[in-house]
Amino acid sequence: MSARAAELAERLDVVRRRIATACDEAGRDPDEVTLVVVTKFFPESDVRALAELGVRQVGENRHQEAEAKHAACADLDLVWHFIGGLQSNKSAAVGAWADVVQSVDRAKLLRGLSRAAHERDRVLDVCVQVSLDPPGAAGRAGADPGDVPALVEAVRQAEGLRLRGVMAVAPRGEDPGRAFARLAEVAAQVRSVDPAATWVSAGMSGDLEEAVRWGATHVRVGSAVLGNRPTTG
């Protein structure tokens, strides 16, 4: 095992133990929580090393980087999640390689995603991204909680798309537990409409424990597994 692979193995073990401990404290089964390792800015070689260590769920934020990495790792049995901000003119391109698009925050994205699903002759899994920020916050992403029901219905009506649940990022400077509690309420509302939409994607390297406490089914972890991101890229 290379030095880098050994480092990744050690870091991955720490994160898996954090998830297991958080589940134990929340009275949950660790098998209920899926780890998505975010490999933004990291090379194909790291993706391959992670796959050797049993990682199957990989997250990417940037389309061009992800598209190239996906092609380079086509021989690996991976599930690719797009978790970055999505432009409507890039939605079809992202849908051409992603298995899951977690960042659907407006209906305008659905046409391109549906077209990609049709061209691939497969169902594309999507999550509705919910904003947990106050209105008007800088850099805000996600749908307003009040707009989620209409967006959920639009996803359910879109050809080739399967609603999996919700995704969110805790606002900076706020107790993540409070934010994830609000997300749990939205997730429950979504499940009341579509009981199969059980995914709650929440929590990253610094707040995954709070996310697990409030029902996260998927945590998106980058730096805790891969280390600090390279300064280039």
C-alpha atoms as a PDB file:
ATOM      1  CA  MET A   1       0.000   0.000   0.000  1.00  0.00           C
ATOM      2  CA  SER A   2       1.342   3.427  -0.954  1.00  0.00           C
ATOM      3  CA  ALA A   3       1.838   6.146   1.649  1.00  0.00           C
ATOM      4  CA  ARG A   4      -1.142   8.048   0.217  1.00  0.00           C
ATOM      5  CA  ALA A   5      -3.373   4.971   0.303  1.00  0.00           C
ATOM      6  CA  ALA A   6      -2.352   4.328   3.905  1.00  0.00           C
ATOM      7  CA  GLU A   7      -3.180   7.937   4.809  1.00  0.00           C
ATOM      8  CA  LEU A   8      -6.595   7.650   3.151  1.00  0.00           C
ATOM      9  CA  ALA A   9      -7.264   4.354   4.924  1.00  0.00           C
ATOM     10  CA  GLU A  10      -6.479   5.911   8.303  1.00  0.00           C
ATOM     11  CA  ARG A  11      -8.615   8.984   7.656  1.00  0.00           C
ATOM     12  CA  LEU A  12     -11.467   6.907   6.271  1.00  0.00           C
ATOM     13  CA  ASP A  13     -11.432   4.704   9.346  1.00  0.00           C
ATOM     14  CA  VAL A  14     -11.687   7.759  11.605  1.00  0.00           C
ATOM     15  CA  VAL A  15     -14.690   9.095   9.672  1.00  0.00           C
ATOM     16  CA  ARG A  16     -16.423   5.724   9.676  1.00  0.00           C
ATOM     17  CA  ARG A  17     -15.922   5.496  13.433  1.00  0.00           C
ATOM     18  CA  ARG A  18     -17.312   9.013  13.861  1.00  0.00           C
ATOM     19  CA  ILE A  19     -20.422   7.990  11.937  1.00  0.00           C
ATOM     20  CA  ALA A  20     -20.781   4.801  13.970  1.00  0.00           C
ATOM     21  CA  THR A  21     -20.426   6.699  17.255  1.00  0.00           C
ATOM     22  CA  ALA A  22     -22.933   9.337  16.169  1.00  0.00           C
ATOM     23  CA  CYS A  23     -25.394   6.629  15.181  1.00  0.00           C
ATOM     24  CA  ASP A  24     -24.922   4.872  18.511  1.00  0.00           C
ATOM     25  CA  GLU A  25     -25.595   8.103  20.406  1.00  0.00           C
ATOM     26  CA  ALA A  26     -28.697   8.741  18.267  1.00  0.00           C
ATOM     27  CA  GLY A  27     -29.974   5.187  18.643  1.00  0.00           C
ATOM     28  CA  ARG A  28     -29.574   4.545  14.935  1.00  0.00           C
ATOM     29  CA  ASP A  29     -28.099   1.715  12.887  1.00  0.00           C
ATOM     30  CA  PRO A  30     -24.855   2.824  11.164  1.00  0.00           C
ATOM     31  CA  ASP A  31     -26.047   1.022   8.045  1.00  0.00           C
ATOM     32  CA  GLU A  32     -28.711   3.744   7.756  1.00  0.00           C
ATOM     33  CA  VAL A  33     -26.035   6.358   6.953  1.00  0.00           C
ATOM     34  CA  THR A  34     -24.227   6.412   3.613  1.00  0.00           C
ATOM     35  CA  LEU A  35     -20.833   8.083   3.360  1.00  0.00           C
ATOM     36  CA  VAL A  36     -20.336  10.094   0.168  1.00  0.00           C
ATOM     37  CA  VAL A  37     -16.666  11.034  -0.182  1.00  0.00           C
ATOM     38  CA  VAL A  38     -16.261  14.394  -1.914  1.00  0.00           C
ATOM     39  CA  THR A  39     -13.233  14.266  -4.210  1.00  0.00           C
ATOM     40  CA  LYS A  40     -13.351  17.790  -5.627  1.00  0.00           C
ATOM     41  CA  PHE A  41      -9.831  18.972  -6.581  1.00  0.00           C
ATOM     42  CA  PHE A  42      -8.335  15.544  -5.851  1.00  0.00           C
ATOM     43  CA  PRO A  43      -6.969  13.296  -8.605  1.00  0.00           C
ATOM     44  CA  GLU A  44      -8.228  10.114 -10.198  1.00  0.00           C
ATOM     45  CA  SER A  45      -5.566   8.199  -8.253  1.00  0.00           C
ATOM     46  CA  ASP A  46      -7.277   9.127  -4.984  1.00  0.00           C
ATOM     47  CA  VAL A  47     -10.630   7.945  -6.315  1.00  0.00           C
ATOM     48  CA  ARG A  48      -9.025   4.631  -7.226  1.00  0.00           C
ATOM     49  CA  ALA A  49      -7.394   4.311  -3.803  1.00  0.00           C
ATOM     50  CA  LEU A  50     -10.721   5.038  -2.120  1.00  0.00           C
ATOM     51  CA  ALA A  51     -12.437   2.418  -4.263  1.00  0.00           C
ATOM     52  CA  GLU A  52      -9.851  -0.113  -3.103  1.00  0.00           C
ATOM     53  CA  LEU A  53     -10.798   0.836   0.469  1.00  0.00           C
ATOM     54  CA  GLY A  54     -14.452   0.103  -0.135  1.00  0.00           C
ATOM     55  CA  VAL A  55     -15.763   3.554  -1.018  1.00  0.00           C
ATOM     56  CA  ARG A  56     -18.555   3.347  -3.590  1.00  0.00           C
ATOM     57  CA  GLN A  57     -20.233   6.758  -3.302  1.00  0.00           C
ATOM     58  CA  VAL A  58     -18.244   9.681  -4.725  1.00  0.00           C
ATOM     59  CA  GLY A  59     -19.282  13.335  -4.717  1.00  0.00           C
ATOM     60  CA  GLU A  60     -18.194  16.073  -7.100  1.00  0.00           C
ATOM     61  CA  ASN A  61     -18.930  19.824  -7.180  1.00  0.00           C
ATOM     62  CA  ARG A  62     -17.629  20.941 -10.562  1.00  0.00           C
ATOM     63  CA  HIS A  63     -18.936  19.595 -13.845  1.00  0.00           C
ATOM     64  CA  GLN A  64     -15.820  19.689 -16.036  1.00  0.00           C
ATOM     65  CA  GLU A  65     -13.566  18.123 -13.424  1.00  0.00           C
ATOM     66  CA  ALA A  66     -16.172  15.519 -12.560  1.00  0.00           C
ATOM     67  CA  GLU A  67     -16.878  14.622 -16.175  1.00  0.00           C
ATOM     68  CA  ALA A  68     -13.200  13.931 -16.830  1.00  0.00           C
ATOM     69  CA  LYS A  69     -12.749  11.994 -13.586  1.00  0.00           C
ATOM     70  CA  HIS A  70     -15.859   9.928 -14.257  1.00  0.00           C
ATOM     71  CA  ALA A  71     -14.532   8.974 -17.697  1.00  0.00           C
ATOM     72  CA  ALA A  72     -11.095   8.097 -16.297  1.00  0.00           C
ATOM     73  CA  CYS A  73     -12.676   5.866 -13.630  1.00  0.00           C
ATOM     74  CA  ALA A  74     -15.271   4.224 -15.850  1.00  0.00           C
ATOM     75  CA  ASP A  75     -13.922   0.780 -14.951  1.00  0.00           C
ATOM     76  CA  LEU A  76     -14.769   1.269 -11.258  1.00  0.00           C
ATOM     77  CA  ASP A  77     -18.085   0.322  -9.681  1.00  0.00           C
ATOM     78  CA  LEU A  78     -18.967   3.744  -8.293  1.00  0.00           C
ATOM     79  CA  VAL A  79     -22.046   5.875  -7.745  1.00  0.00           C
ATOM     80  CA  TRP A  80     -21.329   9.468  -8.761  1.00  0.00           C
ATOM     81  CA  HIS A  81     -23.138  12.276  -6.934  1.00  0.00           C
ATOM     82  CA  PHE A  82     -23.203  15.843  -8.246  1.00  0.00           C
ATOM     83  CA  ILE A  83     -23.511  18.126  -5.219  1.00  0.00           C
ATOM     84  CA  GLY A  84     -22.476  21.532  -6.562  1.00  0.00           C
ATOM     85  CA  GLY A  85     -24.480  24.479  -7.789  1.00  0.00           C
ATOM     86  CA  LEU A  86     -26.088  23.602 -11.102  1.00  0.00           C
ATOM     87  CA  GLN A  87     -26.688  25.948 -14.017  1.00  0.00           C
ATOM     88  CA  SER A  88     -29.682  25.201 -16.212  1.00  0.00           C
ATOM     89  CA  ASN A  89     -27.518  25.204 -19.348  1.00  0.00           C
ATOM     90  CA  LYS A  90     -25.283  22.540 -17.783  1.00  0.00           C
ATOM     91  CA  SER A  91     -28.000  20.297 -16.362  1.00  0.00           C
ATOM     92  CA  ALA A  92     -28.131  17.962 -19.366  1.00  0.00           C
ATOM     93  CA  ALA A  93     -24.336  17.663 -19.391  1.00  0.00           C
ATOM     94  CA  VAL A  94     -24.258  16.816 -15.690  1.00  0.00           C
ATOM     95  CA  GLY A  95     -27.089  14.334 -16.123  1.00  0.00           C
ATOM     96  CA  ALA A  96     -25.026  12.589 -18.792  1.00  0.00           C
ATOM     97  CA  TRP A  97     -22.526  11.262 -16.233  1.00  0.00           C
ATOM     98  CA  ALA A  98     -24.011  11.671 -12.741  1.00  0.00           C
ATOM     99  CA  ASP A  99     -25.967   8.880 -11.088  1.00  0.00           C
ATOM    100  CA  VAL A 100     -27.398  11.268  -8.491  1.00  0.00           C
ATOM    101  CA  VAL A 101     -27.914  15.024  -8.680  1.00  0.00           C
ATOM    102  CA  GLN A 102     -28.329  16.309  -5.132  1.00  0.00           C
ATOM    103  CA  SER A 103     -28.539  20.029  -5.897  1.00  0.00           C
ATOM    104  CA  VAL A 104     -31.874  20.486  -7.690  1.00  0.00           C
ATOM    105  CA  ASP A 105     -33.153  23.810  -6.362  1.00  0.00           C
ATOM    106  CA  ARG A 106     -35.435  25.044  -9.148  1.00  0.00           C
ATOM    107  CA  ALA A 107     -37.732  23.595 -11.785  1.00  0.00           C
ATOM    108  CA  LYS A 108     -35.725  25.135 -14.622  1.00  0.00           C
ATOM    109  CA  LEU A 109     -33.104  22.408 -14.180  1.00  0.00           C
ATOM    110  CA  LEU A 110     -35.489  19.535 -14.784  1.00  0.00           C
ATOM    111  CA  ARG A 111     -35.804  19.669 -18.554  1.00  0.00           C
ATOM    112  CA  GLY A 112     -32.081  19.124 -19.120  1.00  0.00           C
ATOM    113  CA  LEU A 113     -31.874  16.399 -16.489  1.00  0.00           C
ATOM    114  CA  SER A 114     -34.852  14.610 -18.030  1.00  0.00           C
ATOM    115  CA  ARG A 115     -33.282  14.833 -21.466  1.00  0.00           C
ATOM    116  CA  ALA A 116     -30.067  13.308 -20.151  1.00  0.00           C
ATOM    117  CA  ALA A 117     -31.969  10.494 -18.446  1.00  0.00           C
ATOM    118  CA  HIS A 118     -33.809   9.776 -21.697  1.00  0.00           C
ATOM    119  CA  GLU A 119     -30.582   9.745 -23.712  1.00  0.00           C
ATOM    120  CA  ARG A 120     -28.962   7.355 -21.208  1.00  0.00           C
ATOM    121  CA  ASP A 121     -32.129   5.247 -21.062  1.00  0.00           C
ATOM    122  CA  ARG A 122     -31.995   5.168 -17.296  1.00  0.00           C
ATOM    123  CA  VAL A 123     -33.592   6.809 -14.293  1.00  0.00           C
ATOM    124  CA  LEU A 124     -31.660   9.678 -12.732  1.00  0.00           C
ATOM    125  CA  ASP A 125     -31.894  10.039  -8.957  1.00  0.00           C
ATOM    126  CA  VAL A 126     -32.317  13.584  -7.655  1.00  0.00           C
ATOM    127  CA  CYS A 127     -32.587  15.396  -4.335  1.00  0.00           C
ATOM    128  CA  VAL A 128     -34.190  18.774  -3.803  1.00  0.00           C
ATOM    129  CA  GLN A 129     -31.702  21.176  -2.271  1.00  0.00           C
ATOM    130  CA  VAL A 130     -33.266  23.171   0.551  1.00  0.00           C
ATOM    131  CA  SER A 131     -31.889  26.511   1.685  1.00  0.00           C
ATOM    132  CA  LEU A 132     -31.416  26.745   5.442  1.00  0.00           C
ATOM    133  CA  ASP A 133     -30.095  30.315   5.212  1.00  0.00           C
ATOM    134  CA  PRO A 134     -32.138  33.404   6.037  1.00  0.00           C
ATOM    135  CA  PRO A 135     -33.637  35.147   2.984  1.00  0.00           C
ATOM    136  CA  GLY A 136     -31.168  37.445   1.263  1.00  0.00           C
ATOM    137  CA  ALA A 137     -28.053  35.729   2.596  1.00  0.00           C
ATOM    138  CA  ALA A 138     -25.005  36.114   0.358  1.00  0.00           C
ATOM    139  CA  GLY A 139     -24.091  33.072  -1.677  1.00  0.00           C
ATOM    140  CA  ARG A 140     -27.373  31.432  -0.790  1.00  0.00           C
ATOM    141  CA  ALA A 141     -28.194  28.184  -2.579  1.00  0.00           C
ATOM    142  CA  GLY A 142     -31.221  25.954  -2.416  1.00  0.00           C
ATOM    143  CA  ALA A 143     -34.967  26.351  -2.630  1.00  0.00           C
ATOM    144  CA  ASP A 144     -36.877  28.243   0.025  1.00  0.00           C
ATOM    145  CA  PRO A 145     -38.615  25.737   2.303  1.00  0.00           C
ATOM    146  CA  GLY A 146     -41.937  27.247   1.244  1.00  0.00           C
ATOM    147  CA  ASP A 147     -41.137  26.531  -2.414  1.00  0.00           C
ATOM    148  CA  VAL A 148     -40.149  22.914  -1.816  1.00  0.00           C
ATOM    149  CA  PRO A 149     -43.642  21.352  -2.234  1.00  0.00           C
ATOM    150  CA  ALA A 150     -44.059  22.774  -5.742  1.00  0.00           C
ATOM    151  CA  LEU A 151     -40.537  21.734  -6.719  1.00  0.00           C
ATOM    152  CA  VAL A 152     -41.097  18.246  -5.322  1.00  0.00           C
ATOM    153  CA  GLU A 153     -44.214  17.913  -7.448  1.00  0.00           C
ATOM    154  CA  ALA A 154     -42.332  19.133 -10.529  1.00  0.00           C
ATOM    155  CA  VAL A 155     -39.629  16.510  -9.964  1.00  0.00           C
ATOM    156  CA  ARG A 156     -42.230  13.789  -9.512  1.00  0.00           C
ATOM    157  CA  GLN A 157     -43.848  14.764 -12.813  1.00  0.00           C
ATOM    158  CA  ALA A 158     -40.558  14.976 -14.736  1.00  0.00           C
ATOM    159  CA  GLU A 159     -39.858  12.087 -17.070  1.00  0.00           C
ATOM    160  CA  GLY A 160     -36.847   9.955 -16.178  1.00  0.00           C
ATOM    161  CA  LEU A 161     -36.249  11.474 -12.745  1.00  0.00           C
ATOM    162  CA  ARG A 162     -36.707   9.799  -9.375  1.00  0.00           C
ATOM    163  CA  LEU A 163     -37.102  11.932  -6.275  1.00  0.00           C
ATOM    164  CA  ARG A 164     -34.880  10.548  -3.539  1.00  0.00           C
ATOM    165  CA  GLY A 165     -35.273  13.195  -0.850  1.00  0.00           C
ATOM    166  CA  VAL A 166     -33.670  16.439   0.262  1.00  0.00           C
ATOM    167  CA  MET A 167     -30.209  17.926   0.624  1.00  0.00           C
ATOM    168  CA  ALA A 168     -28.933  20.970   2.515  1.00  0.00           C
ATOM    169  CA  VAL A 169     -25.863  22.699   3.887  1.00  0.00           C
ATOM    170  CA  ALA A 170     -25.865  24.195   7.374  1.00  0.00           C
ATOM    171  CA  PRO A 171     -25.417  27.986   7.270  1.00  0.00           C
ATOM    172  CA  ARG A 172     -22.098  29.352   8.429  1.00  0.00           C
ATOM    173  CA  GLY A 173     -22.185  30.827  11.885  1.00  0.00           C
ATOM    174  CA  GLU A 174     -25.291  28.966  12.995  1.00  0.00           C
ATOM    175  CA  ASP A 175     -25.597  25.965  15.260  1.00  0.00           C
ATOM    176  CA  PRO A 176     -25.834  23.124  12.714  1.00  0.00           C
ATOM    177  CA  GLY A 177     -28.206  21.221  14.962  1.00  0.00           C
ATOM    178  CA  ARG A 178     -30.799  23.977  14.662  1.00  0.00           C
ATOM    179  CA  ALA A 179     -30.387  24.062  10.893  1.00  0.00           C
ATOM    180  CA  PHE A 180     -30.649  20.301  10.510  1.00  0.00           C
ATOM    181  CA  ALA A 181     -33.730  20.283  12.741  1.00  0.00           C
ATOM    182  CA  ARG A 182     -35.402  22.578  10.199  1.00  0.00           C
ATOM    183  CA  LEU A 183     -34.300  20.279   7.398  1.00  0.00           C
ATOM    184  CA  ALA A 184     -35.794  17.304   9.237  1.00  0.00           C
ATOM    185  CA  GLU A 185     -39.157  19.089   9.234  1.00  0.00           C
ATOM    186  CA  VAL A 186     -38.960  19.706   5.487  1.00  0.00           C
ATOM    187  CA  ALA A 187     -37.884  16.110   4.883  1.00  0.00           C
ATOM    188  CA  ALA A 188     -40.897  14.861   6.821  1.00  0.00           C
ATOM    189  CA  GLN A 189     -43.184  17.027   4.683  1.00  0.00           C
ATOM    190  CA  VAL A 190     -41.619  15.611   1.527  1.00  0.00           C
ATOM    191  CA  ARG A 191     -42.073  12.038   2.771  1.00  0.00           C
ATOM    192  CA  SER A 192     -45.731  12.755   3.484  1.00  0.00           C
ATOM    193  CA  VAL A 193     -46.137  13.430  -0.237  1.00  0.00           C
ATOM    194  CA  ASP A 194     -43.748  10.737  -1.485  1.00  0.00           C
ATOM    195  CA  PRO A 195     -42.992   8.054   1.140  1.00  0.00           C
ATOM    196  CA  ALA A 196     -40.169   6.707  -1.027  1.00  0.00           C
ATOM    197  CA  ALA A 197     -38.256  10.006  -0.836  1.00  0.00           C
ATOM    198  CA  THR A 198     -36.375   8.999   2.296  1.00  0.00           C
ATOM    199  CA  TRP A 199     -32.931  10.491   1.668  1.00  0.00           C
ATOM    200  CA  VAL A 200     -31.709  13.321   3.872  1.00  0.00           C
ATOM    201  CA  SER A 201     -28.294  14.459   2.637  1.00  0.00           C
ATOM    202  CA  ALA A 202     -26.786  16.668   5.331  1.00  0.00           C
ATOM    203  CA  GLY A 203     -23.563  17.038   7.222  1.00  0.00           C
ATOM    204  CA  MET A 204     -19.962  17.444   6.167  1.00  0.00           C
ATOM    205  CA  SER A 205     -16.571  17.012   7.798  1.00  0.00           C
ATOM    206  CA  GLY A 206     -17.252  19.458  10.618  1.00  0.00           C
ATOM    207  CA  ASP A 207     -20.880  18.740  11.462  1.00  0.00           C
ATOM    208  CA  LEU A 208     -21.694  15.180  10.471  1.00  0.00           C
ATOM    209  CA  GLU A 209     -22.534  14.194  14.057  1.00  0.00           C
ATOM    210  CA  GLU A 210     -25.320  16.783  14.286  1.00  0.00           C
ATOM    211  CA  ALA A 211     -26.598  15.729  10.886  1.00  0.00           C
ATOM    212  CA  VAL A 212     -26.789  12.088  11.974  1.00  0.00           C
ATOM    213  CA  ARG A 213     -28.561  13.148  15.149  1.00  0.00           C
ATOM    214  CA  TRP A 214     -31.256  14.832  13.057  1.00  0.00           C
ATOM    215  CA  GLY A 215     -31.793  11.946  10.673  1.00  0.00           C
ATOM    216  CA  ALA A 216     -29.256  12.320   7.878  1.00  0.00           C
ATOM    217  CA  THR A 217     -29.128   9.277   5.631  1.00  0.00           C
ATOM    218  CA  HIS A 218     -26.172  10.604   3.615  1.00  0.00           C
ATOM    219  CA  VAL A 219     -23.182  12.636   4.802  1.00  0.00           C
ATOM    220  CA  ARG A 220     -20.871  14.385   2.334  1.00  0.00           C
ATOM    221  CA  VAL A 221     -17.302  14.324   3.610  1.00  0.00           C
ATOM    222  CA  GLY A 222     -14.266  15.717   1.832  1.00  0.00           C
ATOM    223  CA  SER A 223     -11.396  17.110   3.900  1.00  0.00           C
ATOM    224  CA  ALA A 224     -11.795  14.690   6.817  1.00  0.00           C
ATOM    225  CA  VAL A 225     -11.030  11.832   4.413  1.00  0.00           C
ATOM    226  CA  LEU A 226      -8.786  13.443   1.803  1.00  0.00           C
ATOM    227  CA  GLY A 227      -7.070  16.180   3.796  1.00  0.00           C
ATOM    228  CA  ASN A 228      -6.818  19.840   2.894  1.00  0.00           C
ATOM    229  CA  ARG A 229      -7.685  20.537  -0.707  1.00  0.00           C
ATOM    230  CA  PRO A 230      -4.810  21.397  -3.075  1.00  0.00           C
ATOM    231  CA  THR A 231      -4.326  25.119  -3.526  1.00  0.00           C
ATOM    232  CA  THR A 232      -4.494  24.762  -7.305  1.00  0.00           C
ATOM    233  CA  GLY A 233      -7.536  23.739  -9.306  1.00  0.00           C
END
